[in-house]
PDB file of N, CA and C in Angstrom:
ATOM      1  N   UNK A   1     107.100 111.657 107.530  1.00  0.00           N
ATOM      2  CA  UNK A   1     107.943 110.486 107.690  1.00  0.00           C
ATOM      3  C   UNK A   1     107.501 109.807 108.980  1.00  0.00           C
ATOM      4  N   UNK A   2     107.443 108.515 108.932  1.00  0.00           N
ATOM      5  CA  UNK A   2     107.108 107.801 110.161  1.00  0.00           C
ATOM      6  C   UNK A   2     108.145 106.705 110.399  1.00  0.00           C
ATOM      7  N   UNK A   3     108.518 106.450 111.621  1.00  0.00           N
ATOM      8  CA  UNK A   3     108.066 107.207 112.785  1.00  0.00           C
ATOM      9  C   UNK A   3     108.684 108.604 112.811  1.00  0.00           C
ATOM     10  N   UNK A   4     108.148 109.481 113.651  1.00  0.00           N
ATOM     11  CA  UNK A   4     108.601 110.870 113.704  1.00  0.00           C
ATOM     12  C   UNK A   4     109.950 111.026 114.394  1.00  0.00           C
ATOM     13  N   UNK A   5     110.431 110.009 115.042  1.00  0.00           N
ATOM     14  CA  UNK A   5     111.703 110.083 115.760  1.00  0.00           C
ATOM     15  C   UNK A   5     111.534 109.418 117.101  1.00  0.00           C
ATOM     16  N   UNK A   6     112.485 109.607 117.969  1.00  0.00           N
ATOM     17  CA  UNK A   6     112.385 109.030 119.292  1.00  0.00           C
ATOM     18  C   UNK A   6     113.687 108.417 119.742  1.00  0.00           C
ATOM     19  N   UNK A   7     113.612 107.682 120.815  1.00  0.00           N
ATOM     20  CA  UNK A   7     114.773 107.020 121.402  1.00  0.00           C
ATOM     21  C   UNK A   7     114.589 105.516 121.277  1.00  0.00           C
ATOM     22  N   UNK A   8     115.635 104.839 120.835  1.00  0.00           N
ATOM     23  CA  UNK A   8     115.583 103.396 120.616  1.00  0.00           C
ATOM     24  C   UNK A   8     116.750 102.722 121.306  1.00  0.00           C
ATOM     25  N   UNK A   9     116.546 101.510 121.756  1.00  0.00           N
ATOM     26  CA  UNK A   9     117.613 100.726 122.353  1.00  0.00           C
ATOM     27  C   UNK A   9     118.640 100.346 121.292  1.00  0.00           C
ATOM     28  N   UNK A  10     119.892 100.249 121.705  1.00  0.00           N
ATOM     29  CA  UNK A  10     120.956  99.820 120.805  1.00  0.00           C
ATOM     30  C   UNK A  10     120.600  98.464 120.208  1.00  0.00           C
ATOM     31  N   UNK A  11     120.798  98.327 118.892  1.00  0.00           N
ATOM     32  CA  UNK A  11     120.499  97.079 118.205  1.00  0.00           C
ATOM     33  C   UNK A  11     119.110  97.009 117.619  1.00  0.00           C
ATOM     34  N   UNK A  12     118.268  98.007 117.919  1.00  0.00           N
ATOM     35  CA  UNK A  12     116.911  98.036 117.369  1.00  0.00           C
ATOM     36  C   UNK A  12     116.965  98.403 115.892  1.00  0.00           C
ATOM     37  N   UNK A  13     116.171  97.723 115.089  1.00  0.00           N
ATOM     38  CA  UNK A  13     116.023  98.077 113.683  1.00  0.00           C
ATOM     39  C   UNK A  13     114.734  98.875 113.536  1.00  0.00           C
ATOM     40  N   UNK A  14     114.853 100.075 112.984  1.00  0.00           N
ATOM     41  CA  UNK A  14     113.715 100.971 112.804  1.00  0.00           C
ATOM     42  C   UNK A  14     113.382 101.029 111.321  1.00  0.00           C
ATOM     43  N   UNK A  15     112.115 100.881 110.985  1.00  0.00           N
ATOM     44  CA  UNK A  15     111.672 101.015 109.598  1.00  0.00           C
ATOM     45  C   UNK A  15     111.127 102.416 109.405  1.00  0.00           C
ATOM     46  N   UNK A  16     111.718 103.150 108.462  1.00  0.00           N
ATOM     47  CA  UNK A  16     111.297 104.513 108.150  1.00  0.00           C
ATOM     48  C   UNK A  16     110.509 104.506 106.845  1.00  0.00           C
ATOM     49  N   UNK A  17     109.386 105.197 106.854  1.00  0.00           N
ATOM     50  CA  UNK A  17     108.544 105.315 105.661  1.00  0.00           C
ATOM     51  C   UNK A  17     108.309 106.781 105.358  1.00  0.00           C
ATOM     52  N   UNK A  18     108.648 107.195 104.155  1.00  0.00           N
ATOM     53  CA  UNK A  18     108.427 108.570 103.710  1.00  0.00           C
ATOM     54  C   UNK A  18     107.127 108.607 102.920  1.00  0.00           C
ATOM     55  N   UNK A  19     106.194 109.456 103.351  1.00  0.00           N
ATOM     56  CA  UNK A  19     104.901 109.578 102.685  1.00  0.00           C
ATOM     57  C   UNK A  19     104.757 110.989 102.136  1.00  0.00           C
ATOM     58  N   UNK A  20     104.635 111.096 100.834  1.00  0.00           N
ATOM     59  CA  UNK A  20     104.559 112.405 100.186  1.00  0.00           C
ATOM     60  C   UNK A  20     103.154 112.980 100.266  1.00  0.00           C
ATOM     61  N   UNK A  21     103.087 114.301 100.388  1.00  0.00           N
ATOM     62  CA  UNK A  21     101.812 115.015 100.315  1.00  0.00           C
ATOM     63  C   UNK A  21     101.379 115.083  98.856  1.00  0.00           C
ATOM     64  N   UNK A  22     100.119 115.401  98.629  1.00  0.00           N
ATOM     65  CA  UNK A  22      99.596 115.533  97.265  1.00  0.00           C
ATOM     66  C   UNK A  22     100.440 116.541  96.487  1.00  0.00           C
ATOM     67  N   UNK A  23     100.806 116.177  95.263  1.00  0.00           N
ATOM     68  CA  UNK A  23     101.592 117.064  94.413  1.00  0.00           C
ATOM     69  C   UNK A  23     103.097 116.929  94.612  1.00  0.00           C
ATOM     70  N   UNK A  24     103.507 115.999  95.450  1.00  0.00           N
ATOM     71  CA  UNK A  24     104.921 115.771  95.732  1.00  0.00           C
ATOM     72  C   UNK A  24     105.227 114.277  95.628  1.00  0.00           C
ATOM     73  N   UNK A  25     106.502 113.929  95.427  1.00  0.00           N
ATOM     74  CA  UNK A  25     106.901 112.523  95.472  1.00  0.00           C
ATOM     75  C   UNK A  25     108.234 112.394  96.207  1.00  0.00           C
ATOM     76  N   UNK A  26     108.392 111.242  96.853  1.00  0.00           N
ATOM     77  CA  UNK A  26     109.630 110.960  97.579  1.00  0.00           C
ATOM     78  C   UNK A  26     110.761 110.792  96.580  1.00  0.00           C
ATOM     79  N   UNK A  27     111.920 111.416  96.890  1.00  0.00           N
ATOM     80  CA  UNK A  27     113.067 111.349  95.989  1.00  0.00           C
ATOM     81  C   UNK A  27     114.197 110.502  96.558  1.00  0.00           C
ATOM     82  N   UNK A  28     114.600 110.793  97.821  1.00  0.00           N
ATOM     83  CA  UNK A  28     115.751 110.070  98.386  1.00  0.00           C
ATOM     84  C   UNK A  28     115.876 110.355  99.881  1.00  0.00           C
ATOM     85  N   UNK A  29     116.724 109.543 100.511  1.00  0.00           N
ATOM     86  CA  UNK A  29     117.108 109.754 101.906  1.00  0.00           C
ATOM     87  C   UNK A  29     118.460 110.448 101.939  1.00  0.00           C
ATOM     88  N   UNK A  30     118.688 111.238 102.990  1.00  0.00           N
ATOM     89  CA  UNK A  30     119.998 111.841 103.237  1.00  0.00           C
ATOM     90  C   UNK A  30     120.346 111.673 104.709  1.00  0.00           C
ATOM     91  N   UNK A  31     121.622 111.754 105.018  1.00  0.00           N
ATOM     92  CA  UNK A  31     122.074 111.607 106.399  1.00  0.00           C
ATOM     93  C   UNK A  31     122.491 110.177 106.669  1.00  0.00           C
ATOM     94  N   UNK A  32     121.945 109.587 107.728  1.00  0.00           N
ATOM     95  CA  UNK A  32     122.319 108.230 108.115  1.00  0.00           C
ATOM     96  C   UNK A  32     121.767 107.172 107.165  1.00  0.00           C
ATOM     97  N   UNK A  33     120.851 107.553 106.285  1.00  0.00           N
ATOM     98  CA  UNK A  33     120.346 106.666 105.223  1.00  0.00           C
ATOM     99  C   UNK A  33     120.672 107.296 103.885  1.00  0.00           C
ATOM    100  N   UNK A  34     121.003 106.492 102.903  1.00  0.00           N
ATOM    101  CA  UNK A  34     121.204 106.986 101.544  1.00  0.00           C
ATOM    102  C   UNK A  34     120.429 106.087 100.595  1.00  0.00           C
ATOM    103  N   UNK A  35     120.091 106.625  99.444  1.00  0.00           N
ATOM    104  CA  UNK A  35     119.356 105.853  98.451  1.00  0.00           C
ATOM    105  C   UNK A  35     117.899 106.257  98.415  1.00  0.00           C
ATOM    106  N   UNK A  36     117.128 105.503  97.659  1.00  0.00           N
ATOM    107  CA  UNK A  36     115.718 105.849  97.469  1.00  0.00           C
ATOM    108  C   UNK A  36     114.772 104.706  97.827  1.00  0.00           C
ATOM    109  N   UNK A  37     115.283 103.688  98.524  1.00  0.00           N
ATOM    110  CA  UNK A  37     114.417 102.598  98.960  1.00  0.00           C
ATOM    111  C   UNK A  37     113.431 103.133  99.991  1.00  0.00           C
ATOM    112  N   UNK A  38     112.164 102.862  99.792  1.00  0.00           N
ATOM    113  CA  UNK A  38     111.125 103.369 100.690  1.00  0.00           C
ATOM    114  C   UNK A  38     110.021 102.332 100.807  1.00  0.00           C
ATOM    115  N   UNK A  39     109.786 101.782 102.000  1.00  0.00           N
ATOM    116  CA  UNK A  39     110.428 102.116 103.267  1.00  0.00           C
ATOM    117  C   UNK A  39     111.854 101.579 103.346  1.00  0.00           C
ATOM    118  N   UNK A  40     112.587 102.124 104.323  1.00  0.00           N
ATOM    119  CA  UNK A  40     113.982 101.727 104.529  1.00  0.00           C
ATOM    120  C   UNK A  40     114.183 101.378 106.001  1.00  0.00           C
ATOM    121  N   UNK A  41     115.186 100.547 106.274  1.00  0.00           N
ATOM    122  CA  UNK A  41     115.471 100.177 107.663  1.00  0.00           C
ATOM    123  C   UNK A  41     116.797 100.775 108.098  1.00  0.00           C
ATOM    124  N   UNK A  42     116.858 101.044 109.390  1.00  0.00           N
ATOM    125  CA  UNK A  42     118.029 101.674 109.976  1.00  0.00           C
ATOM    126  C   UNK A  42     118.351 100.967 111.286  1.00  0.00           C
ATOM    127  N   UNK A  43     119.591 100.507 111.437  1.00  0.00           N
ATOM    128  CA  UNK A  43     120.021  99.857 112.671  1.00  0.00           C
ATOM    129  C   UNK A  43     120.492 100.931 113.641  1.00  0.00           C
ATOM    130  N   UNK A  44     119.907 100.958 114.823  1.00  0.00           N
ATOM    131  CA  UNK A  44     120.273 101.950 115.826  1.00  0.00           C
ATOM    132  C   UNK A  44     121.467 101.449 116.629  1.00  0.00           C
ATOM    133  N   UNK A  45     122.649 101.961 116.263  1.00  0.00           N
ATOM    134  CA  UNK A  45     123.871 101.622 116.975  1.00  0.00           C
ATOM    135  C   UNK A  45     124.609 102.880 117.423  1.00  0.00           C
ATOM    136  N   UNK A  46     123.958 104.048 117.216  1.00  0.00           N
ATOM    137  CA  UNK A  46     124.475 105.359 117.607  1.00  0.00           C
ATOM    138  C   UNK A  46     123.351 106.365 117.382  1.00  0.00           C
ATOM    139  N   UNK A  47     123.561 107.613 117.816  1.00  0.00           N
ATOM    140  CA  UNK A  47     122.601 108.672 117.486  1.00  0.00           C
ATOM    141  C   UNK A  47     122.645 108.891 115.977  1.00  0.00           C
ATOM    142  N   UNK A  48     121.494 109.059 115.355  1.00  0.00           N
ATOM    143  CA  UNK A  48     121.443 109.213 113.898  1.00  0.00           C
ATOM    144  C   UNK A  48     120.423 110.282 113.521  1.00  0.00           C
ATOM    145  N   UNK A  49     120.659 110.912 112.383  1.00  0.00           N
ATOM    146  CA  UNK A  49     119.724 111.882 111.821  1.00  0.00           C
ATOM    147  C   UNK A  49     119.470 111.497 110.369  1.00  0.00           C
ATOM    148  N   UNK A  50     118.214 111.528 109.972  1.00  0.00           N
ATOM    149  CA  UNK A  50     117.814 111.162 108.608  1.00  0.00           C
ATOM    150  C   UNK A  50     116.902 112.250 108.066  1.00  0.00           C
ATOM    151  N   UNK A  51     117.082 112.581 106.800  1.00  0.00           N
ATOM    152  CA  UNK A  51     116.214 113.536 106.108  1.00  0.00           C
ATOM    153  C   UNK A  51     115.563 112.838 104.926  1.00  0.00           C
ATOM    154  N   UNK A  52     114.247 112.967 104.814  1.00  0.00           N
ATOM    155  CA  UNK A  52     113.527 112.483 103.637  1.00  0.00           C
ATOM    156  C   UNK A  52     113.390 113.667 102.675  1.00  0.00           C
ATOM    157  N   UNK A  53     113.864 113.495 101.449  1.00  0.00           N
ATOM    158  CA  UNK A  53     113.827 114.569 100.452  1.00  0.00           C
ATOM    159  C   UNK A  53     112.662 114.314  99.505  1.00  0.00           C
ATOM    160  N   UNK A  54     111.804 115.317  99.356  1.00  0.00           N
ATOM    161  CA  UNK A  54     110.652 115.244  98.466  1.00  0.00           C
ATOM    162  C   UNK A  54     110.818 116.253  97.346  1.00  0.00           C
ATOM    163  N   UNK A  55     110.248 115.950  96.186  1.00  0.00           N
ATOM    164  CA  UNK A  55     110.313 116.826  95.019  1.00  0.00           C
ATOM    165  C   UNK A  55     108.886 117.104  94.565  1.00  0.00           C
ATOM    166  N   UNK A  56     108.628 118.356  94.240  1.00  0.00           N
ATOM    167  CA  UNK A  56     107.291 118.726  93.776  1.00  0.00           C
ATOM    168  C   UNK A  56     107.072 118.200  92.361  1.00  0.00           C
ATOM    169  N   UNK A  57     105.897 117.600  92.145  1.00  0.00           N
ATOM    170  CA  UNK A  57     105.554 117.117  90.810  1.00  0.00           C
ATOM    171  C   UNK A  57     105.442 118.310  89.865  1.00  0.00           C
ATOM    172  N   UNK A  58     105.976 118.148  88.674  1.00  0.00           N
ATOM    173  CA  UNK A  58     105.903 119.210  87.679  1.00  0.00           C
ATOM    174  C   UNK A  58     105.397 118.627  86.372  1.00  0.00           C
ATOM    175  N   UNK A  59     104.613 119.402  85.679  1.00  0.00           N
ATOM    176  CA  UNK A  59     104.048 118.974  84.407  1.00  0.00           C
ATOM    177  C   UNK A  59     104.291 120.060  83.372  1.00  0.00           C
ATOM    178  N   UNK A  60     104.648 119.647  82.161  1.00  0.00           N
ATOM    179  CA  UNK A  60     104.904 120.603  81.077  1.00  0.00           C
ATOM    180  C   UNK A  60     103.587 121.048  80.455  1.00  0.00           C
ATOM    181  N   UNK A  61     103.547 122.284  80.041  1.00  0.00           N
ATOM    182  CA  UNK A  61     102.383 122.831  79.341  1.00  0.00           C
ATOM    183  C   UNK A  61     102.855 123.339  77.995  1.00  0.00           C
ATOM    184  N   UNK A  62     102.346 122.759  76.932  1.00  0.00           N
ATOM    185  CA  UNK A  62     102.667 123.216  75.592  1.00  0.00           C
ATOM    186  C   UNK A  62     101.555 124.135  75.092  1.00  0.00           C
ATOM    187  N   UNK A  63     101.925 125.253  74.502  1.00  0.00           N
ATOM    188  CA  UNK A  63     100.945 126.217  73.993  1.00  0.00           C
ATOM    189  C   UNK A  63     101.146 126.414  72.505  1.00  0.00           C
ATOM    190  N   UNK A  64     100.043 126.565  71.800  1.00  0.00           N
ATOM    191  CA  UNK A  64     100.070 126.880  70.376  1.00  0.00           C
ATOM    192  C   UNK A  64      99.291 128.163  70.157  1.00  0.00           C
ATOM    193  N   UNK A  65      99.891 129.089  69.442  1.00  0.00           N
ATOM    194  CA  UNK A  65      99.224 130.349  69.134  1.00  0.00           C
ATOM    195  C   UNK A  65      98.775 130.258  67.673  1.00  0.00           C
ATOM    196  N   UNK A  66      97.489 130.465  67.465  1.00  0.00           N
ATOM    197  CA  UNK A  66      96.942 130.413  66.113  1.00  0.00           C
ATOM    198  C   UNK A  66      96.436 131.800  65.727  1.00  0.00           C
ATOM    199  N   UNK A  67      96.832 132.257  64.565  1.00  0.00           N
ATOM    200  CA  UNK A  67      96.367 133.555  64.070  1.00  0.00           C
ATOM    201  C   UNK A  67      95.123 133.292  63.218  1.00  0.00           C
ATOM    202  N   UNK A  68      94.112 134.121  63.414  1.00  0.00           N
ATOM    203  CA  UNK A  68      92.885 133.970  62.659  1.00  0.00           C
ATOM    204  C   UNK A  68      92.734 135.171  61.701  1.00  0.00           C
ATOM    205  N   UNK A  69      92.584 134.882  60.422  1.00  0.00           N
ATOM    206  CA  UNK A  69      92.427 135.958  59.444  1.00  0.00           C
ATOM    207  C   UNK A  69      91.058 136.595  59.594  1.00  0.00           C
ATOM    208  N   UNK A  70      91.012 137.926  59.382  1.00  0.00           N
ATOM    209  CA  UNK A  70      89.734 138.654  59.524  1.00  0.00           C
ATOM    210  C   UNK A  70      88.891 138.542  58.279  1.00  0.00           C
TER     211      UNK A  70
END
């Protein structure tokens, strides 16, 4: 997530961007941000904590078993 954090003056608007690693995708924000808009903006008017939630990509595998007569 960028920026990684820090201290901001009151009234500053911070743009947060969640970047997923390979095999993962961004799902939602939690804490002082809610929703799934990415990037998202946050007005600094108090101390805040934000969590970016990522979900691992999953793919279905279908298998077929075939019997072969001798």
